[in-house]
Amino acid sequence: MSTQQNLTALPAAVPGDLRMARRLWPFLLASTVSLIPFTVFGMYLVPISEAAGGSVAEIGGLRGLGGLAALAVGVVLAPLMDRAPRELVAAGGLALLGVSAALGAVGNVFALAAFCLLIGASTSILAPSIGAAAADRFRSPAAAGRAATLVSATTSAMAMLAAPVLAGPGLIWGWRGNLLAAAAISLVLAAAFFWRGRGRKAPITNRERMSYLATYRELARIPGALPLLAIAMLRTAAFMGYLAYLAAFYDEKFDLAPGWFALVWSLSGASFFLGNLISGRYLATDRPWITPERLLVGGITVALLAVSAFYFSPTLPLTLLLTALMGVSHATVAACVTTLLVRRSGDLRGSALSVNAAGMSLGTFLGAAIGGLGLGLGGYPGTAITFAAITLTAVICALEVQRRSEPRP
């Protein structure tokens, strides 16, 4: 189906979330498993550092290699994502994930460096492939967009729940056992996806195949694609940068101990999950009262107001409210970007989601770096100005997306 056909397709009924989940459960399971290795790495950073013979800062810093790998692989492979069956691409990502988790269990510095690099590379392959594969299961643009946001909602839910779920098994077999279990599950899923993908056709066939650079040119022609990708990167930079200094801010301003801060982190994660789930479902309704483009502008505007007020909030209850508002608003923007990219990109949705994931990887590291610069130069007011400026730029891009949007029939 072409991009134009996706934009003008007649509305069709969107199945309920439970019905969708029953149909998409392999992809939801794959998205869940993809989070386990890096969650284990973060949870057990102290014993992992001791086993590797390095400091927490040194070993923790290796995680940055994953972001660089995700960015590089996402950009390089984006034009190729739609030239093979989705299940086979996902199988490759899962296999690489399994190998990387097994390497991480070795525990020395070189193995952990390879672990971080391969995890970043594998997730940059797996995430867009399963999101696009889930969307391909449905013909109508609304249902396809909802399927992709359901995968992302599952990912955000597991980001919140993975740590407590892994704590129990970790008491029995430790962090190495968790990584080896993740490796085994990933490899089994890779085999299952490979079996399912045999004989399936690629979204773009040999007749339709275009050159590598032509794929990028075609992506650039998708209505609003460039500002949407910019919004994804800028939103991620502002939100992930804010999260990077969240614990330090609560500790300095309200003397919040780590145990209590865990509740704040859960509040942020739950807000993001619910915002992503509910907004994704709303966007899938037939002719929503607020269009995706308007909801995008509204969500990023609320995010701008929330981050501008957050660092100046005088009381803990108001700060907690703003924390929840940040989660909900950013989740809404993420759902709008995913929905619009999936609906508008047609058979190129795998490539579009791959570039989107690469941009978010870049945003993650830019956010922490720029936020740290603002903090160093002007304290938390400087951080507020930095993140507000990034979010304001995203608001301008969102207005451009709305301006370019075609009249809805």
Protein backbone atom coordinates (compact mmCIF):
# COMPACT_ATOMS: atom_id res chain seq x y z
CA MET A 1 0.00 0.00 0.00
CA SER A 2 1.44 3.37 -0.96
CA THR A 3 1.86 6.36 1.29
CA GLN A 4 -0.93 8.21 -0.43
CA GLN A 5 -3.25 5.24 -0.09
CA ASN A 6 -2.54 5.12 3.61
CA LEU A 7 -3.41 8.76 3.97
CA THR A 8 -6.72 8.45 2.17
CA ALA A 9 -7.87 4.98 3.20
CA LEU A 10 -11.42 4.74 4.41
CA PRO A 11 -11.79 4.39 8.17
CA ALA A 12 -12.34 0.89 9.50
CA ALA A 13 -13.23 -0.47 12.91
CA VAL A 14 -10.27 -0.79 15.25
CA PRO A 15 -10.24 -3.97 17.39
CA GLY A 16 -10.14 -3.63 21.17
CA ASP A 17 -6.80 -3.72 22.95
CA LEU A 18 -7.31 -7.21 24.38
CA ARG A 19 -8.22 -8.59 20.98
CA MET A 20 -5.19 -6.87 19.48
CA ALA A 21 -2.95 -8.21 22.24
CA ARG A 22 -4.10 -11.78 21.56
CA ARG A 23 -3.16 -11.33 17.93
CA LEU A 24 0.10 -9.49 18.60
CA TRP A 25 1.37 -11.41 21.62
CA PRO A 26 4.61 -12.64 19.94
CA PHE A 27 5.60 -9.04 19.19
CA LEU A 28 4.60 -7.86 22.67
CA LEU A 29 6.68 -10.66 24.19
CA ALA A 30 9.67 -9.73 22.03
CA SER A 31 9.40 -6.09 23.11
CA THR A 32 9.33 -7.22 26.74
CA VAL A 33 12.41 -9.44 26.41
CA SER A 34 14.38 -6.68 24.67
CA LEU A 35 14.46 -4.67 27.92
CA ILE A 36 15.81 -7.41 30.19
CA PRO A 37 19.58 -7.27 29.50
CA PHE A 38 20.06 -3.53 30.06
CA THR A 39 17.69 -3.65 33.06
CA VAL A 40 19.88 -6.34 34.63
CA PHE A 41 22.96 -4.23 33.85
CA GLY A 42 21.47 -1.23 35.67
CA MET A 43 20.06 -3.19 38.62
CA TYR A 44 23.27 -5.08 39.35
CA LEU A 45 25.80 -2.44 38.31
CA VAL A 46 27.69 -2.61 41.62
CA PRO A 47 28.31 -6.40 41.66
CA ILE A 48 28.93 -6.37 37.89
CA SER A 49 31.57 -3.66 38.39
CA GLU A 50 33.19 -5.67 41.17
CA ALA A 51 33.28 -8.78 38.98
CA ALA A 52 34.83 -6.80 36.11
CA GLY A 53 37.40 -5.13 38.37
CA GLY A 54 36.34 -1.60 37.52
CA SER A 55 34.60 1.30 39.20
CA VAL A 56 30.87 1.86 38.96
CA ALA A 57 31.50 5.00 36.88
CA GLU A 58 33.79 3.17 34.46
CA ILE A 59 31.56 0.14 33.94
CA GLY A 60 28.36 2.22 33.94
CA GLY A 61 29.87 4.47 31.29
CA LEU A 62 30.07 1.51 28.93
CA ARG A 63 26.32 1.83 28.48
CA GLY A 64 27.00 4.85 26.30
CA LEU A 65 28.44 2.46 23.72
CA GLY A 66 24.95 1.00 23.33
CA GLY A 67 23.50 4.36 22.40
CA LEU A 68 26.21 5.00 19.84
CA ALA A 69 25.69 1.54 18.34
CA ALA A 70 21.91 2.04 18.24
CA LEU A 71 22.34 5.37 16.45
CA ALA A 72 24.84 4.02 13.92
CA VAL A 73 23.00 0.78 13.17
CA GLY A 74 19.63 2.52 13.02
CA VAL A 75 20.83 5.06 10.46
CA VAL A 76 22.80 2.56 8.36
CA LEU A 77 20.13 -0.14 8.26
CA ALA A 78 17.04 2.08 8.02
CA PRO A 79 16.75 1.88 4.19
CA LEU A 80 17.09 -1.91 4.37
CA MET A 81 14.44 -2.57 7.03
CA ASP A 82 11.60 -2.99 4.53
CA ARG A 83 13.52 -5.20 2.08
CA ALA A 84 13.20 -8.42 4.10
CA PRO A 85 10.22 -10.03 5.85
CA ARG A 86 9.58 -8.33 9.19
CA GLU A 87 9.76 -11.60 11.15
CA LEU A 88 13.19 -12.42 9.73
CA VAL A 89 14.51 -8.98 10.66
CA ALA A 90 13.09 -9.41 14.17
CA ALA A 91 14.67 -12.88 14.37
CA GLY A 92 18.05 -11.36 13.57
CA GLY A 93 17.59 -8.73 16.27
CA LEU A 94 16.55 -11.35 18.84
CA ALA A 95 19.48 -13.60 17.97
CA LEU A 96 21.90 -10.70 18.40
CA LEU A 97 20.19 -9.85 21.70
CA GLY A 98 20.68 -13.42 22.92
CA VAL A 99 24.36 -13.47 21.97
CA SER A 100 24.95 -10.12 23.69
CA ALA A 101 23.23 -11.24 26.91
CA ALA A 102 25.39 -14.38 26.99
CA LEU A 103 28.51 -12.24 26.49
CA GLY A 104 27.47 -9.99 29.36
CA ALA A 105 27.34 -13.00 31.69
CA VAL A 106 31.10 -13.50 31.12
CA GLY A 107 31.58 -10.40 33.25
CA ASN A 108 34.98 -8.99 32.23
CA VAL A 109 35.46 -5.49 30.85
CA PHE A 110 35.87 -6.54 27.23
CA ALA A 111 32.81 -8.80 27.35
CA LEU A 112 30.75 -6.02 28.96
CA ALA A 113 31.87 -3.53 26.30
CA ALA A 114 30.79 -5.98 23.59
CA PHE A 115 27.56 -6.59 25.52
CA CYS A 116 26.68 -2.89 25.52
CA LEU A 117 27.55 -2.42 21.85
CA LEU A 118 25.54 -5.45 20.72
CA ILE A 119 22.54 -4.63 22.93
CA GLY A 120 22.33 -1.18 21.34
CA ALA A 121 22.66 -2.67 17.86
CA SER A 122 20.10 -5.43 18.50
CA THR A 123 17.44 -3.14 19.96
CA SER A 124 17.82 -0.72 17.02
CA ILE A 125 16.96 -3.66 14.75
CA LEU A 126 14.32 -5.29 16.93
CA ALA A 127 12.22 -2.30 18.02
CA PRO A 128 11.31 -0.90 14.56
CA SER A 129 10.86 -4.38 13.05
CA ILE A 130 8.34 -5.58 15.64
CA GLY A 131 6.55 -2.22 15.65
CA ALA A 132 6.22 -2.31 11.85
CA ALA A 133 5.29 -6.02 11.88
CA ALA A 134 2.53 -5.37 14.41
CA ALA A 135 1.20 -2.51 12.28
CA ASP A 136 1.26 -4.69 9.16
CA ARG A 137 -1.22 -7.09 10.77
CA PHE A 138 -4.01 -4.56 10.23
CA ARG A 139 -5.18 -2.93 7.02
CA SER A 140 -6.66 0.32 8.23
CA PRO A 141 -4.24 3.14 9.11
CA ALA A 142 -5.98 3.69 12.45
CA ALA A 143 -5.60 0.05 13.50
CA ALA A 144 -2.02 -0.08 12.22
CA GLY A 145 -1.11 2.99 14.24
CA ARG A 146 -2.78 1.54 17.32
CA ALA A 147 -0.88 -1.74 16.94
CA ALA A 148 2.45 0.12 16.86
CA THR A 149 1.55 2.22 19.91
CA LEU A 150 0.41 -0.92 21.76
CA VAL A 151 3.90 -2.35 21.28
CA SER A 152 5.46 0.86 22.59
CA ALA A 153 3.02 0.93 25.53
CA THR A 154 4.07 -2.62 26.44
CA THR A 155 7.70 -1.55 26.29
CA SER A 156 7.07 1.40 28.62
CA ALA A 157 5.13 -0.85 31.02
CA MET A 158 7.96 -3.35 31.19
CA ALA A 159 10.50 -0.55 31.68
CA MET A 160 8.61 0.15 34.91
CA LEU A 161 7.99 -3.48 35.94
CA ALA A 162 11.15 -5.24 34.77
CA ALA A 163 13.24 -4.43 37.85
CA PRO A 164 10.81 -5.88 40.44
CA VAL A 165 10.08 -8.88 38.18
CA LEU A 166 13.79 -9.69 37.87
CA ALA A 167 14.53 -9.21 41.57
CA GLY A 168 13.07 -12.60 42.60
CA PRO A 169 14.98 -14.80 40.13
CA GLY A 170 18.08 -12.73 40.88
CA LEU A 171 17.99 -13.87 44.50
CA ILE A 172 18.23 -17.47 43.28
CA TRP A 173 20.81 -17.35 40.52
CA GLY A 174 22.24 -13.79 40.59
CA TRP A 175 22.79 -11.35 37.76
CA ARG A 176 24.62 -13.87 35.59
CA GLY A 177 21.65 -16.22 35.80
CA ASN A 178 19.29 -13.42 34.75
CA LEU A 179 21.44 -12.62 31.73
CA LEU A 180 21.73 -16.28 30.72
CA ALA A 181 17.96 -16.68 31.08
CA ALA A 182 17.46 -13.61 28.87
CA ALA A 183 19.88 -15.11 26.33
CA ALA A 184 17.99 -18.41 26.26
CA ILE A 185 14.57 -16.75 25.89
CA SER A 186 15.86 -14.43 23.15
CA LEU A 187 17.36 -17.30 21.14
CA VAL A 188 14.18 -19.39 21.44
CA LEU A 189 12.12 -16.41 20.28
CA ALA A 190 14.58 -15.80 17.43
CA ALA A 191 14.04 -19.37 16.23
CA ALA A 192 10.25 -18.96 16.48
CA PHE A 193 10.30 -15.68 14.52
CA PHE A 194 12.59 -17.24 11.91
CA TRP A 195 10.16 -20.14 11.52
CA ARG A 196 7.20 -17.76 11.16
CA GLY A 197 9.06 -15.57 8.68
CA ARG A 198 10.09 -18.28 6.24
CA GLY A 199 8.37 -17.81 2.91
CA ARG A 200 6.83 -14.45 3.81
CA LYS A 201 7.26 -11.58 1.37
CA ALA A 202 9.14 -8.41 2.14
CA PRO A 203 7.02 -5.21 2.33
CA ILE A 204 9.01 -3.87 -0.63
CA THR A 205 9.46 -6.45 -3.38
CA ASN A 206 12.23 -6.63 -5.97
CA ARG A 207 10.09 -4.78 -8.52
CA GLU A 208 9.41 -1.94 -6.12
CA ARG A 209 12.89 -1.86 -4.60
CA MET A 210 14.68 1.47 -4.79
CA SER A 211 18.29 2.40 -4.21
CA TYR A 212 19.71 2.93 -0.73
CA LEU A 213 19.81 6.73 -0.96
CA ALA A 214 16.49 6.81 -2.81
CA THR A 215 14.88 5.26 0.27
CA TYR A 216 15.98 8.23 2.34
CA ARG A 217 14.70 10.60 -0.33
CA GLU A 218 11.35 8.79 -0.30
CA LEU A 219 11.21 9.03 3.49
CA ALA A 220 11.84 12.76 3.26
CA ARG A 221 8.83 13.08 0.93
CA ILE A 222 6.42 11.59 3.48
CA PRO A 223 4.19 14.47 4.63
CA GLY A 224 5.56 15.87 7.89
CA ALA A 225 8.17 13.12 8.31
CA LEU A 226 11.15 15.39 8.92
CA PRO A 227 9.53 17.54 11.63
CA LEU A 228 8.05 14.39 13.21
CA LEU A 229 11.49 12.80 13.43
CA ALA A 230 12.88 16.04 14.85
CA ILE A 231 10.14 16.08 17.48
CA ALA A 232 10.97 12.50 18.49
CA MET A 233 14.65 13.37 18.96
CA LEU A 234 13.99 16.66 20.78
CA ARG A 235 11.28 15.18 23.02
CA THR A 236 13.55 12.31 23.97
CA ALA A 237 16.42 14.69 24.70
CA ALA A 238 14.27 16.80 27.02
CA PHE A 239 12.60 13.86 28.78
CA MET A 240 15.61 11.56 29.16
CA GLY A 241 17.77 14.50 30.22
CA TYR A 242 15.17 15.39 32.84
CA LEU A 243 15.11 11.78 34.07
CA ALA A 244 18.91 11.67 34.27
CA TYR A 245 18.90 14.34 37.01
CA LEU A 246 15.54 13.53 38.60
CA ALA A 247 16.93 11.62 41.61
CA ALA A 248 19.55 14.28 42.29
CA PHE A 249 16.94 17.05 42.14
CA TYR A 250 14.54 15.33 44.56
CA ASP A 251 17.43 14.56 46.91
CA GLU A 252 18.75 18.13 46.91
CA LYS A 253 15.43 19.96 47.12
CA PHE A 254 13.35 17.61 49.30
CA ASP A 255 16.03 15.37 50.87
CA LEU A 256 14.26 12.33 49.45
CA ALA A 257 15.99 9.06 50.33
CA PRO A 258 16.51 6.44 47.58
CA GLY A 259 13.75 4.23 48.98
CA TRP A 260 11.19 7.02 48.75
CA PHE A 261 12.51 8.12 45.38
CA ALA A 262 11.68 4.65 44.04
CA LEU A 263 8.03 5.65 44.47
CA VAL A 264 8.66 8.83 42.48
CA TRP A 265 10.26 6.76 39.72
CA SER A 266 7.24 4.44 39.73
CA LEU A 267 4.93 7.47 39.50
CA SER A 268 6.85 8.73 36.46
CA GLY A 269 6.85 5.30 34.80
CA ALA A 270 3.17 4.67 35.49
CA SER A 271 2.24 8.11 34.16
CA PHE A 272 4.17 7.49 30.96
CA PHE A 273 2.63 4.05 30.50
CA LEU A 274 -0.94 5.23 31.06
CA GLY A 275 -0.43 8.31 28.88
CA ASN A 276 0.93 6.18 26.04
CA LEU A 277 -1.77 3.53 26.39
CA ILE A 278 -4.74 5.90 26.61
CA SER A 279 -3.60 8.40 23.98
CA GLY A 280 -2.73 5.57 21.58
CA ARG A 281 -6.19 4.11 22.02
CA TYR A 282 -7.82 7.52 21.54
CA LEU A 283 -5.88 8.12 18.33
CA ALA A 284 -7.20 4.82 16.97
CA THR A 285 -10.84 5.91 17.28
CA ASP A 286 -12.80 6.76 14.15
CA ARG A 287 -12.46 10.47 13.50
CA PRO A 288 -11.30 11.60 16.96
CA TRP A 289 -12.49 15.00 18.12
CA ILE A 290 -8.87 16.11 18.47
CA THR A 291 -6.78 15.11 15.46
CA PRO A 292 -3.35 13.50 15.99
CA GLU A 293 -1.69 16.69 14.78
CA ARG A 294 -3.57 18.86 17.28
CA LEU A 295 -3.01 16.38 20.10
CA LEU A 296 0.68 16.44 19.23
CA VAL A 297 0.78 20.24 19.57
CA GLY A 298 -1.23 20.09 22.80
CA GLY A 299 0.95 17.37 24.34
CA ILE A 300 4.26 19.06 23.60
CA THR A 301 2.89 22.41 24.83
CA VAL A 302 1.89 20.82 28.15
CA ALA A 303 5.37 19.26 28.34
CA LEU A 304 6.89 22.71 27.83
CA LEU A 305 4.80 24.22 30.64
CA ALA A 306 5.54 21.30 32.96
CA VAL A 307 9.33 21.37 32.52
CA SER A 308 9.38 25.17 32.83
CA ALA A 309 7.63 24.96 36.21
CA PHE A 310 9.14 21.74 37.56
CA TYR A 311 12.50 23.05 38.82
CA PHE A 312 10.85 26.04 40.51
CA SER A 313 8.07 24.12 42.28
CA PRO A 314 8.02 25.09 45.98
CA THR A 315 6.27 22.02 47.45
CA LEU A 316 6.63 18.27 47.15
CA PRO A 317 2.96 17.60 46.19
CA LEU A 318 3.12 20.11 43.33
CA THR A 319 6.45 18.68 42.18
CA LEU A 320 4.97 15.17 42.15
CA LEU A 321 2.03 16.46 40.13
CA LEU A 322 4.42 17.99 37.61
CA THR A 323 6.38 14.72 37.49
CA ALA A 324 3.19 12.88 36.56
CA LEU A 325 2.30 15.58 34.04
CA MET A 326 5.72 15.27 32.40
CA GLY A 327 5.21 11.52 32.00
CA VAL A 328 1.72 11.81 30.55
CA SER A 329 2.54 14.65 28.15
CA HIS A 330 5.69 13.05 26.77
CA ALA A 331 3.91 9.72 26.39
CA THR A 332 1.13 11.44 24.44
CA VAL A 333 3.66 13.07 22.12
CA ALA A 334 5.43 9.72 21.61
CA ALA A 335 2.12 8.03 20.72
CA CYS A 336 1.25 10.82 18.26
CA VAL A 337 4.63 10.62 16.52
CA THR A 338 4.45 6.82 16.20
CA THR A 339 0.85 6.92 14.98
CA LEU A 340 1.51 9.59 12.36
CA LEU A 341 4.69 7.93 11.09
CA VAL A 342 2.99 4.53 10.77
CA ARG A 343 -0.08 5.97 9.04
CA ARG A 344 1.83 8.12 6.59
CA SER A 345 4.80 5.93 5.67
CA GLY A 346 2.95 2.92 4.20
CA ASP A 347 5.37 0.15 3.17
CA LEU A 348 8.29 2.28 4.35
CA ARG A 349 7.12 2.22 7.98
CA GLY A 350 9.98 -0.09 9.00
CA SER A 351 12.53 2.38 7.64
CA ALA A 352 10.69 5.33 9.19
CA LEU A 353 10.54 3.68 12.61
CA SER A 354 14.22 2.75 12.35
CA VAL A 355 15.24 6.35 11.70
CA ASN A 356 12.91 7.40 14.51
CA ALA A 357 14.60 4.98 16.93
CA ALA A 358 18.04 6.23 15.87
CA GLY A 359 16.98 9.81 16.47
CA MET A 360 15.70 8.93 19.93
CA SER A 361 19.02 7.22 20.73
CA LEU A 362 20.79 10.43 19.76
CA GLY A 363 18.31 12.43 21.85
CA THR A 364 18.97 10.28 24.92
CA PHE A 365 22.65 11.19 24.98
CA LEU A 366 22.21 14.79 23.88
CA GLY A 367 19.66 15.33 26.66
CA ALA A 368 21.94 14.11 29.45
CA ALA A 369 24.91 16.07 28.06
CA ILE A 370 23.07 19.35 27.43
CA GLY A 371 21.18 19.07 30.72
CA GLY A 372 24.50 18.59 32.53
CA LEU A 373 25.89 21.67 30.80
CA GLY A 374 22.89 23.72 31.91
CA LEU A 375 23.23 22.37 35.45
CA GLY A 376 26.92 23.22 35.57
CA LEU A 377 26.45 26.75 34.25
CA GLY A 378 23.28 27.78 36.05
CA GLY A 379 22.22 25.12 38.52
CA TYR A 380 18.71 23.73 38.22
CA PRO A 381 17.36 27.01 36.76
CA GLY A 382 19.93 26.53 33.98
CA THR A 383 18.67 22.98 33.50
CA ALA A 384 15.11 24.26 33.30
CA ILE A 385 16.06 26.80 30.64
CA THR A 386 17.93 24.15 28.66
CA PHE A 387 15.10 21.62 28.62
CA ALA A 388 12.50 24.34 28.00
CA ALA A 389 14.46 25.56 24.96
CA ILE A 390 14.67 22.02 23.56
CA THR A 391 10.94 21.49 24.13
CA LEU A 392 10.07 24.87 22.61
CA THR A 393 11.91 23.83 19.45
CA ALA A 394 9.77 20.67 19.42
CA VAL A 395 6.64 22.84 19.74
CA ILE A 396 7.69 24.78 16.63
CA CYS A 397 8.17 21.49 14.75
CA ALA A 398 4.75 20.27 15.93
CA LEU A 399 3.12 23.43 14.61
CA GLU A 400 4.82 22.76 11.28
CA VAL A 401 3.40 19.21 11.25
CA GLN A 402 -0.07 20.63 11.89
CA ARG A 403 0.37 23.23 9.16
CA ARG A 404 1.35 20.58 6.61
CA SER A 405 -1.40 18.15 7.55
CA GLU A 406 -3.95 17.52 4.84
CA PRO A 407 -7.63 18.28 5.52
CA ARG A 408 -9.33 15.24 7.01
CA PRO A 409 -12.25 13.90 4.93
